[in-house]
Amino acid sequence: MPSARALEWLHRLIWLLIYGGLFGIVLGIVTGGAHLVAGWSLGVLGGIAVVAGIVLIVVRSRLHETAPPGAQSTNDKRRGMP
């Protein structure tokens, strides 16, 4: 279970990859008229970054944050434990 700090870092990384990738795609489109190889390279790298951000969103959706140590309640009697 990741901590709140690790999840916050993951959120920042996700949005950095998505927005940076979209910016790379736009730069690739704009640059493609002047230099074809550079345009394709920027576009493909931007697309890879966007896909990585989307994959991290799926990974993040499967992670559950651990509660702080003082915020947990012990309700063992309802589970049949002594």
PDB file of N, CA and C in Angstrom:
ATOM      1  N   MET A   1       0.827  -1.175   0.000  1.00  0.00           N
ATOM      2  CA  MET A   1       0.000   0.000   0.000  1.00  0.00           C
ATOM      3  C   MET A   1       0.882   1.253   0.000  1.00  0.00           C
ATOM      4  N   PRO A   2       0.722   2.092  -1.005  1.00  0.00           N
ATOM      5  CA  PRO A   2       1.543   3.297  -1.087  1.00  0.00           C
ATOM      6  C   PRO A   2       1.075   4.365  -0.107  1.00  0.00           C
ATOM      7  N   SER A   3       1.999   5.234   0.248  1.00  0.00           N
ATOM      8  CA  SER A   3       1.665   6.328   1.148  1.00  0.00           C
ATOM      9  C   SER A   3       1.024   7.464   0.345  1.00  0.00           C
ATOM     10  N   ALA A   4       0.510   8.444   1.072  1.00  0.00           N
ATOM     11  CA  ALA A   4      -0.109   9.596   0.412  1.00  0.00           C
ATOM     12  C   ALA A   4       0.927  10.373  -0.391  1.00  0.00           C
ATOM     13  N   ARG A   5       2.146  10.424   0.115  1.00  0.00           N
ATOM     14  CA  ARG A   5       3.209  11.142  -0.586  1.00  0.00           C
ATOM     15  C   ARG A   5       3.543  10.456  -1.913  1.00  0.00           C
ATOM     16  N   ALA A   6       3.595   9.138  -1.920  1.00  0.00           N
ATOM     17  CA  ALA A   6       3.877   8.401  -3.149  1.00  0.00           C
ATOM     18  C   ALA A   6       2.746   8.571  -4.166  1.00  0.00           C
ATOM     19  N   LEU A   7       1.525   8.594  -3.702  1.00  0.00           N
ATOM     20  CA  LEU A   7       0.397   8.789  -4.608  1.00  0.00           C
ATOM     21  C   LEU A   7       0.405  10.193  -5.202  1.00  0.00           C
ATOM     22  N   GLU A   8       0.766  11.179  -4.401  1.00  0.00           N
ATOM     23  CA  GLU A   8       0.848  12.555  -4.905  1.00  0.00           C
ATOM     24  C   GLU A   8       1.935  12.661  -5.971  1.00  0.00           C
ATOM     25  N   TRP A   9       3.065  11.985  -5.749  1.00  0.00           N
ATOM     26  CA  TRP A   9       4.138  11.972  -6.738  1.00  0.00           C
ATOM     27  C   TRP A   9       3.665  11.315  -8.030  1.00  0.00           C
ATOM     28  N   LEU A  10       2.892  10.245  -7.902  1.00  0.00           N
ATOM     29  CA  LEU A  10       2.361   9.551  -9.061  1.00  0.00           C
ATOM     30  C   LEU A  10       1.395  10.432  -9.843  1.00  0.00           C
ATOM     31  N   HIS A  11       0.565  11.200  -9.125  1.00  0.00           N
ATOM     32  CA  HIS A  11      -0.356  12.129  -9.791  1.00  0.00           C
ATOM     33  C   HIS A  11       0.414  13.150 -10.616  1.00  0.00           C
ATOM     34  N   ARG A  12       1.461  13.709 -10.021  1.00  0.00           N
ATOM     35  CA  ARG A  12       2.265  14.692 -10.750  1.00  0.00           C
ATOM     36  C   ARG A  12       2.906  14.075 -11.987  1.00  0.00           C
ATOM     37  N   LEU A  13       3.419  12.867 -11.867  1.00  0.00           N
ATOM     38  CA  LEU A  13       4.054  12.193 -12.992  1.00  0.00           C
ATOM     39  C   LEU A  13       3.043  11.912 -14.104  1.00  0.00           C
ATOM     40  N   ILE A  14       1.842  11.496 -13.723  1.00  0.00           N
ATOM     41  CA  ILE A  14       0.805  11.203 -14.720  1.00  0.00           C
ATOM     42  C   ILE A  14       0.505  12.432 -15.554  1.00  0.00           C
ATOM     43  N   TRP A  15       0.238  13.547 -14.892  1.00  0.00           N
ATOM     44  CA  TRP A  15      -0.141  14.750 -15.637  1.00  0.00           C
ATOM     45  C   TRP A  15       1.036  15.342 -16.391  1.00  0.00           C
ATOM     46  N   LEU A  16       2.237  15.193 -15.865  1.00  0.00           N
ATOM     47  CA  LEU A  16       3.413  15.641 -16.592  1.00  0.00           C
ATOM     48  C   LEU A  16       3.574  14.852 -17.891  1.00  0.00           C
ATOM     49  N   LEU A  17       3.393  13.550 -17.829  1.00  0.00           N
ATOM     50  CA  LEU A  17       3.502  12.723 -19.031  1.00  0.00           C
ATOM     51  C   LEU A  17       2.409  13.052 -20.047  1.00  0.00           C
ATOM     52  N   ILE A  18       1.194  13.226 -19.577  1.00  0.00           N
ATOM     53  CA  ILE A  18       0.092  13.488 -20.509  1.00  0.00           C
ATOM     54  C   ILE A  18       0.245  14.851 -21.176  1.00  0.00           C
ATOM     55  N   TYR A  19       0.429  15.891 -20.392  1.00  0.00           N
ATOM     56  CA  TYR A  19       0.540  17.226 -20.979  1.00  0.00           C
ATOM     57  C   TYR A  19       1.842  17.401 -21.750  1.00  0.00           C
ATOM     58  N   GLY A  20       2.931  16.855 -21.249  1.00  0.00           N
ATOM     59  CA  GLY A  20       4.183  16.922 -21.988  1.00  0.00           C
ATOM     60  C   GLY A  20       4.105  16.154 -23.293  1.00  0.00           C
ATOM     61  N   GLY A  21       3.444  15.010 -23.265  1.00  0.00           N
ATOM     62  CA  GLY A  21       3.267  14.230 -24.485  1.00  0.00           C
ATOM     63  C   GLY A  21       2.410  14.938 -25.515  1.00  0.00           C
ATOM     64  N   LEU A  22       1.332  15.562 -25.062  1.00  0.00           N
ATOM     65  CA  LEU A  22       0.499  16.318 -25.994  1.00  0.00           C
ATOM     66  C   LEU A  22       1.269  17.491 -26.592  1.00  0.00           C
ATOM     67  N   PHE A  23       2.085  18.135 -25.768  1.00  0.00           N
ATOM     68  CA  PHE A  23       2.923  19.229 -26.267  1.00  0.00           C
ATOM     69  C   PHE A  23       3.925  18.702 -27.296  1.00  0.00           C
ATOM     70  N   GLY A  24       4.483  17.517 -27.040  1.00  0.00           N
ATOM     71  CA  GLY A  24       5.399  16.912 -27.996  1.00  0.00           C
ATOM     72  C   GLY A  24       4.718  16.573 -29.313  1.00  0.00           C
ATOM     73  N   ILE A  25       3.489  16.110 -29.251  1.00  0.00           N
ATOM     74  CA  ILE A  25       2.741  15.808 -30.470  1.00  0.00           C
ATOM     75  C   ILE A  25       2.507  17.078 -31.276  1.00  0.00           C
ATOM     76  N   VAL A  26       2.114  18.149 -30.596  1.00  0.00           N
ATOM     77  CA  VAL A  26       1.878  19.420 -31.287  1.00  0.00           C
ATOM     78  C   VAL A  26       3.179  19.939 -31.901  1.00  0.00           C
ATOM     79  N   LEU A  27       4.278  19.856 -31.150  1.00  0.00           N
ATOM     80  CA  LEU A  27       5.564  20.274 -31.708  1.00  0.00           C
ATOM     81  C   LEU A  27       5.951  19.418 -32.903  1.00  0.00           C
ATOM     82  N   GLY A  28       5.649  18.129 -32.848  1.00  0.00           N
ATOM     83  CA  GLY A  28       5.930  17.255 -33.977  1.00  0.00           C
ATOM     84  C   GLY A  28       5.149  17.640 -35.218  1.00  0.00           C
ATOM     85  N   ILE A  29       3.904  18.011 -35.032  1.00  0.00           N
ATOM     86  CA  ILE A  29       3.080  18.427 -36.171  1.00  0.00           C
ATOM     87  C   ILE A  29       3.618  19.720 -36.764  1.00  0.00           C
ATOM     88  N   VAL A  30       3.960  20.668 -35.900  1.00  0.00           N
ATOM     89  CA  VAL A  30       4.468  21.956 -36.375  1.00  0.00           C
ATOM     90  C   VAL A  30       5.837  21.796 -37.040  1.00  0.00           C
ATOM     91  N   THR A  31       6.697  20.983 -36.465  1.00  0.00           N
ATOM     92  CA  THR A  31       8.046  20.805 -36.978  1.00  0.00           C
ATOM     93  C   THR A  31       8.069  19.935 -38.236  1.00  0.00           C
ATOM     94  N   GLY A  32       7.067  19.131 -38.428  1.00  0.00           N
ATOM     95  CA  GLY A  32       7.039  18.212 -39.563  1.00  0.00           C
ATOM     96  C   GLY A  32       7.156  18.893 -40.915  1.00  0.00           C
ATOM     97  N   GLY A  33       6.692  20.132 -41.023  1.00  0.00           N
ATOM     98  CA  GLY A  33       6.795  20.842 -42.300  1.00  0.00           C
ATOM     99  C   GLY A  33       8.220  21.232 -42.636  1.00  0.00           C
ATOM    100  N   ALA A  34       9.028  21.536 -41.620  1.00  0.00           N
ATOM    101  CA  ALA A  34      10.405  21.967 -41.858  1.00  0.00           C
ATOM    102  C   ALA A  34      11.362  20.782 -41.925  1.00  0.00           C
ATOM    103  N   HIS A  35      11.165  19.816 -41.054  1.00  0.00           N
ATOM    104  CA  HIS A  35      12.068  18.665 -41.015  1.00  0.00           C
ATOM    105  C   HIS A  35      11.236  17.437 -40.675  1.00  0.00           C
ATOM    106  N   LEU A  36      11.093  16.572 -41.629  1.00  0.00           N
ATOM    107  CA  LEU A  36      10.174  15.442 -41.504  1.00  0.00           C
ATOM    108  C   LEU A  36      10.578  14.471 -40.393  1.00  0.00           C
ATOM    109  N   VAL A  37      11.861  14.144 -40.305  1.00  0.00           N
ATOM    110  CA  VAL A  37      12.324  13.166 -39.309  1.00  0.00           C
ATOM    111  C   VAL A  37      12.154  13.718 -37.896  1.00  0.00           C
ATOM    112  N   ALA A  38      12.493  14.977 -37.713  1.00  0.00           N
ATOM    113  CA  ALA A  38      12.336  15.589 -36.387  1.00  0.00           C
ATOM    114  C   ALA A  38      10.859  15.652 -35.988  1.00  0.00           C
ATOM    115  N   GLY A  39       9.998  15.971 -36.938  1.00  0.00           N
ATOM    116  CA  GLY A  39       8.569  16.030 -36.656  1.00  0.00           C
ATOM    117  C   GLY A  39       8.010  14.687 -36.240  1.00  0.00           C
ATOM    118  N   TRP A  40       8.368  13.647 -36.983  1.00  0.00           N
ATOM    119  CA  TRP A  40       7.903  12.309 -36.631  1.00  0.00           C
ATOM    120  C   TRP A  40       8.462  11.856 -35.288  1.00  0.00           C
ATOM    121  N   SER A  41       9.723  12.163 -35.045  1.00  0.00           N
ATOM    122  CA  SER A  41      10.344  11.764 -33.775  1.00  0.00           C
ATOM    123  C   SER A  41       9.634  12.408 -32.595  1.00  0.00           C
ATOM    124  N   LEU A  42       9.392  13.722 -32.687  1.00  0.00           N
ATOM    125  CA  LEU A  42       8.688  14.403 -31.595  1.00  0.00           C
ATOM    126  C   LEU A  42       7.273  13.864 -31.429  1.00  0.00           C
ATOM    127  N   GLY A  43       6.606  13.624 -32.527  1.00  0.00           N
ATOM    128  CA  GLY A  43       5.240  13.113 -32.458  1.00  0.00           C
ATOM    129  C   GLY A  43       5.162  11.725 -31.838  1.00  0.00           C
ATOM    130  N   VAL A  44       6.074  10.857 -32.233  1.00  0.00           N
ATOM    131  CA  VAL A  44       6.063   9.489 -31.694  1.00  0.00           C
ATOM    132  C   VAL A  44       6.440   9.490 -30.215  1.00  0.00           C
ATOM    133  N   LEU A  45       7.464  10.256 -29.851  1.00  0.00           N
ATOM    134  CA  LEU A  45       7.843  10.325 -28.438  1.00  0.00           C
ATOM    135  C   LEU A  45       6.730  10.941 -27.589  1.00  0.00           C
ATOM    136  N   GLY A  46       6.061  11.940 -28.127  1.00  0.00           N
ATOM    137  CA  GLY A  46       4.921  12.525 -27.419  1.00  0.00           C
ATOM    138  C   GLY A  46       3.790  11.524 -27.250  1.00  0.00           C
ATOM    139  N   GLY A  47       3.527  10.758 -28.290  1.00  0.00           N
ATOM    140  CA  GLY A  47       2.481   9.734 -28.209  1.00  0.00           C
ATOM    141  C   GLY A  47       2.813   8.658 -27.188  1.00  0.00           C
ATOM    142  N   ILE A  48       4.081   8.278 -27.126  1.00  0.00           N
ATOM    143  CA  ILE A  48       4.503   7.283 -26.130  1.00  0.00           C
ATOM    144  C   ILE A  48       4.315   7.835 -24.720  1.00  0.00           C
ATOM    145  N   ALA A  49       4.632   9.117 -24.531  1.00  0.00           N
ATOM    146  CA  ALA A  49       4.456   9.728 -23.210  1.00  0.00           C
ATOM    147  C   ALA A  49       2.982   9.771 -22.810  1.00  0.00           C
ATOM    148  N   VAL A  50       2.104  10.089 -23.756  1.00  0.00           N
ATOM    149  CA  VAL A  50       0.666  10.122 -23.461  1.00  0.00           C
ATOM    150  C   VAL A  50       0.168   8.723 -23.093  1.00  0.00           C
ATOM    151  N   VAL A  51       0.585   7.719 -23.833  1.00  0.00           N
ATOM    152  CA  VAL A  51       0.172   6.348 -23.537  1.00  0.00           C
ATOM    153  C   VAL A  51       0.692   5.920 -22.168  1.00  0.00           C
ATOM    154  N   ALA A  52       1.931   6.296 -21.836  1.00  0.00           N
ATOM    155  CA  ALA A  52       2.478   5.964 -20.517  1.00  0.00           C
ATOM    156  C   ALA A  52       1.667   6.635 -19.411  1.00  0.00           C
ATOM    157  N   GLY A  53       1.235   7.872 -19.623  1.00  0.00           N
ATOM    158  CA  GLY A  53       0.401   8.553 -18.641  1.00  0.00           C
ATOM    159  C   GLY A  53      -0.942   7.863 -18.455  1.00  0.00           C
ATOM    160  N   ILE A  54      -1.529   7.402 -19.545  1.00  0.00           N
ATOM    161  CA  ILE A  54      -2.809   6.693 -19.462  1.00  0.00           C
ATOM    162  C   ILE A  54      -2.643   5.362 -18.740  1.00  0.00           C
ATOM    163  N   VAL A  55      -1.557   4.663 -19.015  1.00  0.00           N
ATOM    164  CA  VAL A  55      -1.293   3.397 -18.313  1.00  0.00           C
ATOM    165  C   VAL A  55      -1.124   3.658 -16.819  1.00  0.00           C
ATOM    166  N   LEU A  56      -0.444   4.736 -16.460  1.00  0.00           N
ATOM    167  CA  LEU A  56      -0.279   5.055 -15.043  1.00  0.00           C
ATOM    168  C   LEU A  56      -1.603   5.428 -14.382  1.00  0.00           C
ATOM    169  N   ILE A  57      -2.530   5.991 -15.138  1.00  0.00           N
ATOM    170  CA  ILE A  57      -3.866   6.254 -14.577  1.00  0.00           C
ATOM    171  C   ILE A  57      -4.536   4.933 -14.210  1.00  0.00           C
ATOM    172  N   VAL A  58      -4.412   3.928 -15.063  1.00  0.00           N
ATOM    173  CA  VAL A  58      -4.988   2.611 -14.768  1.00  0.00           C
ATOM    174  C   VAL A  58      -4.304   1.994 -13.550  1.00  0.00           C
ATOM    175  N   VAL A  59      -2.975   2.116 -13.495  1.00  0.00           N
ATOM    176  CA  VAL A  59      -2.238   1.591 -12.341  1.00  0.00           C
ATOM    177  C   VAL A  59      -2.688   2.300 -11.075  1.00  0.00           C
ATOM    178  N   ARG A  60      -2.837   3.614 -11.134  1.00  0.00           N
ATOM    179  CA  ARG A  60      -3.245   4.388  -9.956  1.00  0.00           C
ATOM    180  C   ARG A  60      -4.650   4.008  -9.492  1.00  0.00           C
ATOM    181  N   SER A  61      -5.520   3.675 -10.426  1.00  0.00           N
ATOM    182  CA  SER A  61      -6.891   3.319 -10.046  1.00  0.00           C
ATOM    183  C   SER A  61      -6.938   2.017  -9.258  1.00  0.00           C
ATOM    184  N   ARG A  62      -5.913   1.198  -9.389  1.00  0.00           N
ATOM    185  CA  ARG A  62      -5.876  -0.072  -8.669  1.00  0.00           C
ATOM    186  C   ARG A  62      -5.148   0.010  -7.335  1.00  0.00           C
ATOM    187  N   LEU A  63      -4.527   1.146  -7.048  1.00  0.00           N
ATOM    188  CA  LEU A  63      -3.832   1.326  -5.776  1.00  0.00           C
ATOM    189  C   LEU A  63      -4.782   1.928  -4.751  1.00  0.00           C
ATOM    190  N   HIS A  64      -4.623   1.527  -3.498  1.00  0.00           N
ATOM    191  CA  HIS A  64      -5.438   2.062  -2.424  1.00  0.00           C
ATOM    192  C   HIS A  64      -4.520   2.720  -1.416  1.00  0.00           C
ATOM    193  N   GLU A  65      -4.912   3.899  -0.994  1.00  0.00           N
ATOM    194  CA  GLU A  65      -4.101   4.653  -0.048  1.00  0.00           C
ATOM    195  C   GLU A  65      -4.225   4.049   1.351  1.00  0.00           C
ATOM    196  N   THR A  66      -3.109   3.976   2.051  1.00  0.00           N
ATOM    197  CA  THR A  66      -3.145   3.505   3.426  1.00  0.00           C
ATOM    198  C   THR A  66      -3.555   4.655   4.327  1.00  0.00           C
ATOM    199  N   ALA A  67      -4.336   4.354   5.325  1.00  0.00           N
ATOM    200  CA  ALA A  67      -4.781   5.378   6.264  1.00  0.00           C
ATOM    201  C   ALA A  67      -3.641   5.747   7.209  1.00  0.00           C
ATOM    202  N   PRO A  68      -3.619   6.983   7.699  1.00  0.00           N
ATOM    203  CA  PRO A  68      -2.598   7.360   8.679  1.00  0.00           C
ATOM    204  C   PRO A  68      -2.722   6.491   9.925  1.00  0.00           C
ATOM    205  N   PRO A  69      -1.621   6.284  10.663  1.00  0.00           N
ATOM    206  CA  PRO A  69      -1.651   5.366  11.803  1.00  0.00           C
ATOM    207  C   PRO A  69      -2.704   5.696  12.848  1.00  0.00           C
ATOM    208  N   GLY A  70      -2.979   6.958  13.114  1.00  0.00           N
ATOM    209  CA  GLY A  70      -3.933   7.310  14.160  1.00  0.00           C
ATOM    210  C   GLY A  70      -5.375   7.299  13.717  1.00  0.00           C
ATOM    211  N   ALA A  71      -5.639   7.155  12.429  1.00  0.00           N
ATOM    212  CA  ALA A  71      -7.004   7.273  11.933  1.00  0.00           C
ATOM    213  C   ALA A  71      -7.707   5.927  11.796  1.00  0.00           C
ATOM    214  N   GLN A  72      -7.056   4.850  12.126  1.00  0.00           N
ATOM    215  CA  GLN A  72      -7.669   3.542  11.960  1.00  0.00           C
ATOM    216  C   GLN A  72      -8.464   3.170  13.200  1.00  0.00           C
ATOM    217  N   SER A  73      -9.570   2.523  12.974  1.00  0.00           N
ATOM    218  CA  SER A  73     -10.365   2.046  14.098  1.00  0.00           C
ATOM    219  C   SER A  73     -10.216   0.539  14.185  1.00  0.00           C
ATOM    220  N   THR A  74     -10.140   0.053  15.377  1.00  0.00           N
ATOM    221  CA  THR A  74     -10.058  -1.391  15.574  1.00  0.00           C
ATOM    222  C   THR A  74     -11.437  -1.886  15.966  1.00  0.00           C
ATOM    223  N   ASN A  75     -12.047  -2.573  15.071  1.00  0.00           N
ATOM    224  CA  ASN A  75     -13.387  -3.084  15.287  1.00  0.00           C
ATOM    225  C   ASN A  75     -13.356  -4.599  15.120  1.00  0.00           C
ATOM    226  N   ASP A  76     -12.507  -5.232  15.918  1.00  0.00           N
ATOM    227  CA  ASP A  76     -12.289  -6.668  15.792  1.00  0.00           C
ATOM    228  C   ASP A  76     -13.466  -7.495  16.282  1.00  0.00           C
ATOM    229  N   LYS A  77     -14.270  -6.990  17.201  1.00  0.00           N
ATOM    230  CA  LYS A  77     -15.366  -7.771  17.779  1.00  0.00           C
ATOM    231  C   LYS A  77     -16.451  -8.050  16.744  1.00  0.00           C
ATOM    232  N   ARG A  78     -16.629  -7.162  15.779  1.00  0.00           N
ATOM    233  CA  ARG A  78     -17.644  -7.398  14.767  1.00  0.00           C
ATOM    234  C   ARG A  78     -17.198  -8.457  13.776  1.00  0.00           C
ATOM    235  N   ARG A  79     -15.933  -8.717  13.666  1.00  0.00           N
ATOM    236  CA  ARG A  79     -15.420  -9.757  12.773  1.00  0.00           C
ATOM    237  C   ARG A  79     -15.307 -11.106  13.478  1.00  0.00           C
ATOM    238  N   GLY A  80     -15.679 -11.183  14.711  1.00  0.00           N
ATOM    239  CA  GLY A  80     -15.626 -12.439  15.439  1.00  0.00           C
ATOM    240  C   GLY A  80     -14.279 -12.711  16.085  1.00  0.00           C
ATOM    241  N   MET A  81     -13.412 -11.713  16.161  1.00  0.00           N
ATOM    242  CA  MET A  81     -12.111 -11.889  16.781  1.00  0.00           C
ATOM    243  C   MET A  81     -12.176 -11.480  18.243  1.00  0.00           C
ATOM    244  N   PRO A  82     -11.385 -12.123  19.090  1.00  0.00           N
ATOM    245  CA  PRO A  82     -11.439 -11.755  20.520  1.00  0.00           C
ATOM    246  C   PRO A  82     -10.830 -10.409  20.812  1.00  0.00           C
TER     247      PRO A  82
END
